[in-house]
Amino acid sequence: MAAITSTNVANAIVKLVAADALPVLVGNLVMGNLVNRDYEPVLAHAGDTVNVPIPPTMVANNILEGGTVQTQNPSLGNAQIVLNTHAEATFQIPDVTKVLAVPDLLKMYMQPSVAAIAQKIETDLLNLYAGYTANTPVGTPGTPITEAVIDAAETALFLAKIPPSEQKFIVVDAATYSAWRQIPRFSEFQTAGDAGLRAIIDGTVGKVKDFFVFRSQFVQKTGASPVTTHNLAFTKDAMGLVIRRLPQPLPGTGAIAEYAELGNFGMRVVMSYQPNTLAQQFTVDVLYGCGVLRNASGVQVNT
């Protein structure tokens, strides 16, 4: 059996933090769990550009008897997403050995830090609303959402030739979600069945007019009077979240790093000693970029 050394203990602590970090991140994400995620365990640096291929457009040819095929020369589309965000959250633990003895102590330190990173990712993804210009925005600024507006958003994606098999999502702010739950046809048993009961009892909207409905505190708002709330209806391929590995610290610098990777997400956890505070410092960080992949696959739903 291998001897227990300070190096083994240090590595074990970092692995423990890394193993617990990612589930906390994923659990705090709304948008990050809905969009197209592109993750590869290759090293990258802030400012690098990732090329995400987009399928080309093809047309059908009616070939007559004795005719010839029409050769098409499609070219792959390309969405360039820059890894321009290096988000980090750092905390210190005075007596790090307690982490091994009391795992709940680690969660008390770590959850707020990882949740802060999740909030940064959510904000950046929802801030892409202005990139969806192919479809005319629906709804009126400063006006509560109505069934007609929801119907118009679904119709816009249908006219954009979104395949019926693709899941459609709509992410709204708290006020819009509240107004949605009070639309009589969606919140009464006699008109919406079990879905109406869930809206009243559980407070969840669920799926309406082919949209899975979610709410987020980070939906963007602009203007003063009236304030425009930029809710967003989209499919998974409307936007991309690209994540890449950050390099390991230089050997001999006193820092130990581990990677946490799960479901196309990846984070780095770095532990180092801070002599000024006599504490172990943990940094949870992620390198990512986000951008619009398919303009026609999203539509602004203004309220």
Protein backbone atom coordinates (compact mmCIF):
# COMPACT_ATOMS: atom_id res chain seq x y z
CA MET A 1 0.00 0.00 0.00
CA ALA A 2 1.33 3.42 -0.94
CA ALA A 3 2.46 5.63 1.91
CA ILE A 4 0.36 8.65 2.82
CA THR A 5 2.33 11.79 2.07
CA SER A 6 1.59 15.48 2.00
CA THR A 7 1.64 15.31 -1.80
CA ASN A 8 -0.96 12.55 -1.83
CA VAL A 9 -3.17 14.48 0.55
CA ALA A 10 -2.84 17.67 -1.52
CA ASN A 11 -3.75 15.86 -4.72
CA ALA A 12 -6.67 14.15 -3.00
CA ILE A 13 -8.04 17.48 -1.77
CA VAL A 14 -7.89 19.05 -5.24
CA LYS A 15 -9.57 16.00 -6.80
CA LEU A 16 -12.30 16.18 -4.17
CA VAL A 17 -12.96 19.84 -4.94
CA ALA A 18 -12.91 19.19 -8.70
CA ALA A 19 -15.32 16.27 -8.42
CA ASP A 20 -17.85 18.39 -6.52
CA ALA A 21 -17.42 21.58 -8.55
CA LEU A 22 -19.01 20.60 -11.86
CA PRO A 23 -22.35 19.21 -10.61
CA VAL A 24 -22.85 22.48 -8.75
CA LEU A 25 -22.17 24.44 -11.95
CA VAL A 26 -24.50 22.34 -14.10
CA GLY A 27 -27.23 22.51 -11.47
CA ASN A 28 -27.17 26.32 -11.51
CA LEU A 29 -27.37 26.68 -15.29
CA VAL A 30 -30.50 27.24 -17.37
CA MET A 31 -29.22 28.49 -20.73
CA GLY A 32 -26.00 26.52 -20.47
CA ASN A 33 -27.99 23.28 -20.38
CA LEU A 34 -30.15 24.20 -23.39
CA VAL A 35 -27.69 25.47 -26.01
CA ASN A 36 -25.23 23.63 -28.23
CA ARG A 37 -22.15 22.93 -26.11
CA ASP A 38 -18.78 22.36 -27.75
CA TYR A 39 -16.17 21.04 -25.35
CA GLU A 40 -12.85 19.38 -26.09
CA PRO A 41 -10.11 18.57 -23.54
CA VAL A 42 -7.48 20.43 -25.54
CA LEU A 43 -5.44 23.27 -24.10
CA ALA A 44 -6.37 26.77 -25.14
CA HIS A 45 -5.71 30.34 -24.10
CA ALA A 46 -7.91 33.40 -23.78
CA GLY A 47 -8.38 35.03 -27.18
CA ASP A 48 -8.20 31.81 -29.20
CA THR A 49 -10.84 31.37 -31.92
CA VAL A 50 -12.83 28.17 -32.38
CA ASN A 51 -14.47 27.49 -35.76
CA VAL A 52 -17.83 25.74 -35.40
CA PRO A 53 -19.05 24.24 -38.72
CA ILE A 54 -22.63 24.89 -39.83
CA PRO A 55 -24.34 22.51 -42.34
CA PRO A 56 -24.78 23.96 -45.84
CA THR A 57 -28.08 24.64 -47.59
CA MET A 58 -29.05 22.22 -50.36
CA VAL A 59 -31.83 22.38 -52.95
CA ALA A 60 -33.79 19.53 -54.52
CA ASN A 61 -33.70 19.03 -58.28
CA ASN A 62 -36.49 17.39 -60.23
CA ILE A 63 -34.60 15.13 -62.61
CA LEU A 64 -36.53 14.26 -65.76
CA GLU A 65 -36.24 10.97 -67.64
CA GLY A 66 -33.01 11.01 -69.56
CA GLY A 67 -31.87 14.09 -67.70
CA THR A 68 -28.73 14.60 -65.63
CA VAL A 69 -28.18 15.42 -62.02
CA GLN A 70 -27.35 18.96 -61.00
CA THR A 71 -24.12 18.98 -59.07
CA GLN A 72 -24.16 21.36 -56.17
CA ASN A 73 -21.08 22.83 -54.58
CA PRO A 74 -22.18 23.54 -51.03
CA SER A 75 -19.75 25.04 -48.62
CA LEU A 76 -19.87 24.52 -44.90
CA GLY A 77 -20.93 27.56 -42.97
CA ASN A 78 -18.67 28.69 -40.20
CA ALA A 79 -19.37 30.37 -36.89
CA GLN A 80 -16.30 31.79 -35.22
CA ILE A 81 -16.52 31.86 -31.44
CA VAL A 82 -13.74 33.59 -29.55
CA LEU A 83 -12.68 32.22 -26.17
CA ASN A 84 -12.86 35.69 -24.70
CA THR A 85 -14.05 34.94 -21.16
CA HIS A 86 -11.85 33.51 -18.43
CA ALA A 87 -14.24 33.34 -15.49
CA GLU A 88 -12.89 32.51 -12.06
CA ALA A 89 -14.08 32.32 -8.48
CA THR A 90 -11.53 32.10 -5.67
CA PHE A 91 -11.89 31.28 -1.99
CA GLN A 92 -9.58 30.40 0.90
CA ILE A 93 -9.83 27.70 3.56
CA PRO A 94 -7.69 28.26 6.68
CA ASP A 95 -7.58 24.59 7.75
CA VAL A 96 -7.82 22.61 4.54
CA THR A 97 -7.49 19.23 6.26
CA LYS A 98 -11.00 19.70 7.65
CA VAL A 99 -12.28 19.38 4.09
CA LEU A 100 -11.40 15.69 4.07
CA ALA A 101 -13.03 15.10 7.43
CA VAL A 102 -16.12 17.24 6.87
CA PRO A 103 -17.15 17.20 3.16
CA ASP A 104 -20.13 19.50 3.83
CA LEU A 105 -17.67 22.22 4.80
CA LEU A 106 -16.27 22.15 1.28
CA LYS A 107 -19.72 22.67 -0.21
CA MET A 108 -20.28 25.71 1.98
CA TYR A 109 -17.15 27.32 0.54
CA MET A 110 -17.51 26.09 -3.00
CA GLN A 111 -21.17 26.44 -3.95
CA PRO A 112 -21.30 30.27 -3.91
CA SER A 113 -18.11 30.45 -5.99
CA VAL A 114 -19.28 28.01 -8.64
CA ALA A 115 -22.75 29.57 -8.71
CA ALA A 116 -21.09 32.90 -9.53
CA ILE A 117 -19.45 31.33 -12.59
CA ALA A 118 -22.79 29.85 -13.65
CA GLN A 119 -24.39 33.31 -13.41
CA LYS A 120 -21.66 34.76 -15.61
CA ILE A 121 -22.26 32.10 -18.28
CA GLU A 122 -26.04 32.64 -18.11
CA THR A 123 -25.67 36.39 -18.51
CA ASP A 124 -23.36 36.10 -21.52
CA LEU A 125 -25.66 33.63 -23.31
CA LEU A 126 -28.79 35.71 -22.74
CA ASN A 127 -26.92 38.81 -23.90
CA LEU A 128 -26.80 37.27 -27.41
CA TYR A 129 -30.42 38.30 -28.02
CA ALA A 130 -29.38 41.18 -30.30
CA GLY A 131 -27.76 38.71 -32.71
CA TYR A 132 -31.10 37.23 -33.74
CA THR A 133 -32.12 39.49 -36.59
CA ALA A 134 -33.38 36.97 -39.18
CA ASN A 135 -36.80 36.83 -37.50
CA THR A 136 -38.77 39.94 -36.62
CA PRO A 137 -39.09 40.31 -32.82
CA VAL A 138 -42.54 39.56 -31.44
CA GLY A 139 -44.28 41.22 -28.51
CA THR A 140 -44.46 44.80 -27.34
CA PRO A 141 -41.96 46.36 -24.90
CA GLY A 142 -43.44 47.07 -21.49
CA THR A 143 -46.50 44.90 -22.20
CA PRO A 144 -47.24 41.57 -20.47
CA ILE A 145 -46.95 38.46 -22.59
CA THR A 146 -50.10 37.12 -24.22
CA GLU A 147 -51.09 33.89 -25.92
CA ALA A 148 -50.96 35.67 -29.27
CA VAL A 149 -47.31 36.64 -28.70
CA ILE A 150 -46.37 33.07 -27.77
CA ASP A 151 -48.16 31.83 -30.88
CA ALA A 152 -46.34 34.40 -33.02
CA ALA A 153 -42.95 33.23 -31.70
CA GLU A 154 -43.70 29.60 -32.56
CA THR A 155 -44.99 30.63 -35.99
CA ALA A 156 -41.81 32.61 -36.66
CA LEU A 157 -39.64 29.55 -36.00
CA PHE A 158 -41.95 27.41 -38.16
CA LEU A 159 -41.63 29.87 -41.06
CA ALA A 160 -37.86 29.77 -40.56
CA LYS A 161 -38.12 26.04 -41.46
CA ILE A 162 -37.07 24.74 -38.07
CA PRO A 163 -37.66 20.95 -38.20
CA PRO A 164 -40.65 19.88 -36.04
CA SER A 165 -38.44 17.28 -34.39
CA GLU A 166 -36.15 19.95 -32.88
CA GLN A 167 -36.98 20.96 -29.34
CA LYS A 168 -37.92 24.59 -28.90
CA PHE A 169 -37.22 26.57 -25.74
CA ILE A 170 -38.26 29.96 -24.46
CA VAL A 171 -36.47 31.63 -21.55
CA VAL A 172 -38.24 34.53 -19.89
CA ASP A 173 -37.74 36.77 -16.86
CA ALA A 174 -39.62 36.41 -13.58
CA ALA A 175 -42.34 38.95 -14.41
CA THR A 176 -43.07 37.36 -17.80
CA TYR A 177 -43.17 33.89 -16.27
CA SER A 178 -45.61 35.14 -13.64
CA ALA A 179 -47.86 36.72 -16.28
CA TRP A 180 -47.67 33.51 -18.32
CA ARG A 181 -48.97 31.47 -15.36
CA GLN A 182 -51.97 33.79 -15.12
CA ILE A 183 -53.12 33.39 -18.72
CA PRO A 184 -56.49 31.65 -18.08
CA ARG A 185 -56.24 29.10 -20.90
CA PHE A 186 -52.87 27.90 -19.58
CA SER A 187 -53.64 27.88 -15.86
CA GLU A 188 -57.09 26.30 -15.58
CA PHE A 189 -57.82 22.57 -15.46
CA GLN A 190 -60.84 22.84 -17.74
CA THR A 191 -58.72 24.35 -20.53
CA ALA A 192 -55.20 23.00 -19.93
CA GLY A 193 -55.82 19.77 -18.01
CA ASP A 194 -52.99 18.57 -15.77
CA ALA A 195 -50.70 21.31 -17.12
CA GLY A 196 -53.10 23.90 -15.71
CA LEU A 197 -53.00 22.22 -12.30
CA ARG A 198 -49.19 22.22 -12.33
CA ALA A 199 -49.19 25.94 -13.13
CA ILE A 200 -51.41 26.60 -10.11
CA ILE A 201 -50.07 24.07 -7.60
CA ASP A 202 -46.41 23.58 -8.56
CA GLY A 203 -45.92 26.97 -10.20
CA THR A 204 -44.36 25.44 -13.34
CA VAL A 205 -45.51 26.24 -16.85
CA GLY A 206 -43.95 23.19 -18.50
CA LYS A 207 -44.57 23.00 -22.25
CA VAL A 208 -46.87 25.39 -24.12
CA LYS A 209 -47.37 25.68 -27.89
CA ASP A 210 -44.35 23.44 -28.52
CA PHE A 211 -42.10 25.53 -26.25
CA PHE A 212 -40.41 24.22 -23.12
CA VAL A 213 -40.67 27.24 -20.84
CA PHE A 214 -37.92 28.30 -18.44
CA ARG A 215 -37.26 31.40 -16.39
CA SER A 216 -34.01 33.13 -15.55
CA GLN A 217 -32.99 36.06 -13.39
CA PHE A 218 -30.51 37.11 -16.07
CA VAL A 219 -32.79 37.89 -19.03
CA GLN A 220 -31.52 41.17 -20.46
CA LYS A 221 -33.42 44.44 -20.08
CA THR A 222 -32.82 47.70 -21.96
CA GLY A 223 -34.34 51.15 -22.07
CA ALA A 224 -35.97 53.26 -19.40
CA SER A 225 -39.61 53.96 -20.21
CA PRO A 226 -40.83 51.48 -21.16
CA VAL A 227 -38.21 48.91 -20.18
CA THR A 228 -37.79 46.25 -22.87
CA THR A 229 -37.34 42.72 -21.57
CA HIS A 230 -35.56 40.61 -24.17
CA ASN A 231 -36.95 37.12 -23.62
CA LEU A 232 -35.65 34.59 -26.10
CA ALA A 233 -37.25 31.71 -28.03
CA PHE A 234 -34.77 29.38 -29.72
CA THR A 235 -33.61 25.88 -30.57
CA LYS A 236 -30.47 24.16 -29.34
CA ASP A 237 -28.44 25.07 -32.43
CA ALA A 238 -29.34 28.75 -32.23
CA MET A 239 -26.30 29.50 -30.10
CA GLY A 240 -23.11 27.79 -29.03
CA LEU A 241 -21.15 27.62 -25.80
CA VAL A 242 -17.52 26.67 -26.45
CA ILE A 243 -15.34 25.56 -23.53
CA ARG A 244 -11.69 24.57 -23.62
CA ARG A 245 -9.13 23.40 -21.06
CA LEU A 246 -6.84 25.84 -19.35
CA PRO A 247 -3.15 24.89 -19.00
CA GLN A 248 -1.67 23.33 -15.88
CA PRO A 249 0.34 25.65 -13.59
CA LEU A 250 4.08 25.63 -14.09
CA PRO A 251 5.80 22.81 -12.16
CA GLY A 252 7.48 23.88 -8.95
CA THR A 253 5.31 26.96 -8.43
CA GLY A 254 3.47 25.42 -5.48
CA ALA A 255 0.14 25.11 -7.25
CA ILE A 256 -1.76 21.88 -7.95
CA ALA A 257 -4.52 21.67 -10.57
CA GLU A 258 -7.16 19.13 -11.50
CA TYR A 259 -9.78 19.16 -14.25
CA ALA A 260 -13.49 18.53 -13.75
CA GLU A 261 -15.24 17.39 -16.93
CA LEU A 262 -18.84 16.25 -17.34
CA GLY A 263 -21.40 16.47 -20.12
CA ASN A 264 -19.50 18.84 -22.43
CA PHE A 265 -18.51 21.06 -19.54
CA GLY A 266 -14.98 21.46 -18.27
CA MET A 267 -13.44 23.41 -15.40
CA ARG A 268 -10.06 23.71 -13.74
CA VAL A 269 -9.51 23.70 -10.00
CA VAL A 270 -6.21 25.13 -8.72
CA MET A 271 -5.00 24.89 -5.12
CA SER A 272 -2.11 27.01 -3.85
CA TYR A 273 -0.76 28.19 -0.50
CA GLN A 274 -1.05 31.83 0.51
CA PRO A 275 1.64 32.69 3.09
CA ASN A 276 0.10 36.09 3.86
CA THR A 277 -3.08 34.52 5.21
CA LEU A 278 -1.66 31.09 6.13
CA ALA A 279 -4.49 29.49 4.17
CA GLN A 280 -4.99 27.28 1.16
CA GLN A 281 -6.43 29.15 -1.80
CA PHE A 282 -8.75 27.46 -4.30
CA THR A 283 -9.50 28.92 -7.71
CA VAL A 284 -12.26 27.43 -9.84
CA ASP A 285 -12.03 28.78 -13.38
CA VAL A 286 -13.30 28.12 -16.88
CA LEU A 287 -12.32 29.42 -20.32
CA TYR A 288 -15.23 29.84 -22.68
CA GLY A 289 -16.84 31.83 -25.44
CA CYS A 290 -20.39 31.99 -26.76
CA GLY A 291 -21.98 33.18 -29.97
CA VAL A 292 -24.85 32.87 -32.42
CA LEU A 293 -24.70 29.74 -34.57
CA ARG A 294 -27.95 29.93 -36.57
CA ASN A 295 -29.57 33.33 -36.76
CA ALA A 296 -32.89 31.95 -38.04
CA SER A 297 -33.22 29.56 -35.09
CA GLY A 298 -33.92 32.28 -32.55
CA VAL A 299 -36.47 35.05 -32.12
CA GLN A 300 -36.74 37.83 -29.55
CA VAL A 301 -39.91 37.82 -27.46
CA ASN A 302 -40.18 41.34 -26.06
CA THR A 303 -42.29 42.23 -23.05
